[in-house]
Structure formats: structure tokens, C-alpha cells
Amino acid sequence: MIHKAKDLSPDQKMAIESLLGRSVAEDEAISIRTMASASAPEWLQQSWESARRLGLDRLSTEEIDAEIAAARKARRNRQQSVEQ
């Protein structure tokens, strides 16, 4: 359903402007749609919980990048030793 801004009650207009973070012009049309949020698969939820328990959810971007670089280096070293 589409609503015309000029037909909104003051409370409705205030609520919409609060959600948008800006004023709504009288000539604007407002469309509101709701959707059920998709829940993450069970395996992903378990991974998130494990990360929280281990404190990994508090790593900075720099710490994450360093961990990835270290894992890649270790993998390269393993591959090189297998090739030799």
C-alpha cells in the first residue's frame, strides 16, 4: 500500500521521518513493506556462538588480517615442504 505524505497524521509523519532520518515532503509517497527475516543456518549460528565463547568476535580488523596472513604463510610453507 502506498500512502501520500500529505494524508499522514502528524504522529505518522513524525514516525516515518524518524525512521528515514529526514523530513518528508508533502508531495512524496510512502510505501512500507515488511518481510520475515531469514534466520541463519544452524551451522552458521553454531559457528557464531563458538566465536563468541572463544572471544573471537572481539578481534579487530587488523588482528583478523594478521591471522589470515599467518594461516596463508603456514599453508605456503607446508606446500613448499611437500614439493621438495
Protein backbone atom coordinates (compact mmCIF):
# COMPACT_ATOMS: atom_id res chain seq x y z
CA MET A 1 0.00 0.00 0.00
CA ILE A 2 1.24 3.47 -0.83
CA HIS A 3 0.47 6.46 1.37
CA LYS A 4 0.67 10.11 0.36
CA ALA A 5 2.68 12.17 2.82
CA LYS A 6 0.03 14.89 2.82
CA ASP A 7 -2.54 12.37 4.10
CA LEU A 8 -0.49 11.20 7.10
CA SER A 9 -1.37 12.20 10.63
CA PRO A 10 1.27 14.29 12.42
CA ASP A 11 2.24 11.26 14.52
CA GLN A 12 2.58 9.02 11.46
CA LYS A 13 4.65 11.64 9.65
CA MET A 14 6.90 12.06 12.70
CA ALA A 15 7.40 8.29 12.97
CA ILE A 16 8.31 7.95 9.30
CA GLU A 17 10.66 10.92 9.42
CA SER A 18 12.31 9.42 12.47
CA LEU A 19 12.88 6.14 10.63
CA LEU A 20 14.14 7.89 7.49
CA GLY A 21 16.27 10.39 9.34
CA ARG A 22 14.96 13.24 7.22
CA SER A 23 11.85 15.32 6.59
CA VAL A 24 9.15 14.05 4.25
CA ALA A 25 7.83 16.47 1.64
CA GLU A 26 4.08 16.82 1.18
CA ASP A 27 4.31 15.60 -2.44
CA GLU A 28 6.15 12.38 -1.52
CA ALA A 29 4.59 8.93 -1.50
CA ILE A 30 5.49 6.43 1.21
CA SER A 31 5.47 2.68 0.71
CA ILE A 32 6.03 0.38 3.66
CA ARG A 33 6.79 -3.31 3.29
CA THR A 34 7.56 -5.90 5.92
CA MET A 35 9.49 -9.10 5.40
CA ALA A 36 10.26 -12.00 7.66
CA SER A 37 13.93 -12.00 8.48
CA ALA A 38 15.77 -15.01 7.21
CA SER A 39 17.43 -16.88 10.01
CA ALA A 40 20.97 -18.09 9.56
CA PRO A 41 21.51 -21.83 9.08
CA GLU A 42 22.16 -23.83 12.23
CA TRP A 43 25.82 -24.46 11.33
CA LEU A 44 26.42 -20.72 11.00
CA GLN A 45 24.68 -19.93 14.29
CA GLN A 46 26.87 -22.56 15.98
CA SER A 47 29.97 -21.00 14.43
CA TRP A 48 28.98 -17.57 15.74
CA GLU A 49 28.36 -18.98 19.21
CA SER A 50 31.73 -20.73 19.19
CA ALA A 51 33.44 -17.50 18.15
CA ARG A 52 31.70 -15.62 20.99
CA ARG A 53 32.77 -18.25 23.55
CA LEU A 54 36.38 -18.03 22.35
CA GLY A 55 36.34 -14.23 22.28
CA LEU A 56 36.97 -14.18 18.54
CA ASP A 57 34.05 -11.83 17.99
CA ARG A 58 36.13 -9.08 19.58
CA LEU A 59 39.09 -9.24 17.17
CA SER A 60 39.96 -6.05 15.33
CA THR A 61 40.22 -5.94 11.55
CA GLU A 62 44.00 -5.76 11.88
CA GLU A 63 44.05 -8.87 14.09
CA ILE A 64 41.85 -10.76 11.65
CA ASP A 65 44.11 -9.75 8.74
CA ALA A 66 47.18 -10.90 10.69
CA GLU A 67 45.57 -14.28 11.42
CA ILE A 68 44.70 -14.75 7.73
CA ALA A 69 48.23 -13.80 6.67
CA ALA A 70 49.73 -16.25 9.19
CA ALA A 71 47.45 -19.08 8.01
CA ARG A 72 48.33 -18.39 4.36
CA LYS A 73 52.05 -18.35 5.17
CA ALA A 74 51.80 -21.64 7.05
CA ARG A 75 49.93 -23.19 4.13
CA ARG A 76 52.57 -21.97 1.64
CA ASN A 77 55.32 -23.40 3.86
CA ARG A 78 53.55 -26.79 4.05
CA GLN A 79 53.09 -26.87 0.27
CA GLN A 80 56.74 -25.99 -0.33
CA SER A 81 57.98 -28.74 2.00
CA VAL A 82 55.74 -31.32 0.25
CA GLU A 83 57.04 -30.24 -3.16
CA GLN A 84 60.69 -30.63 -2.13
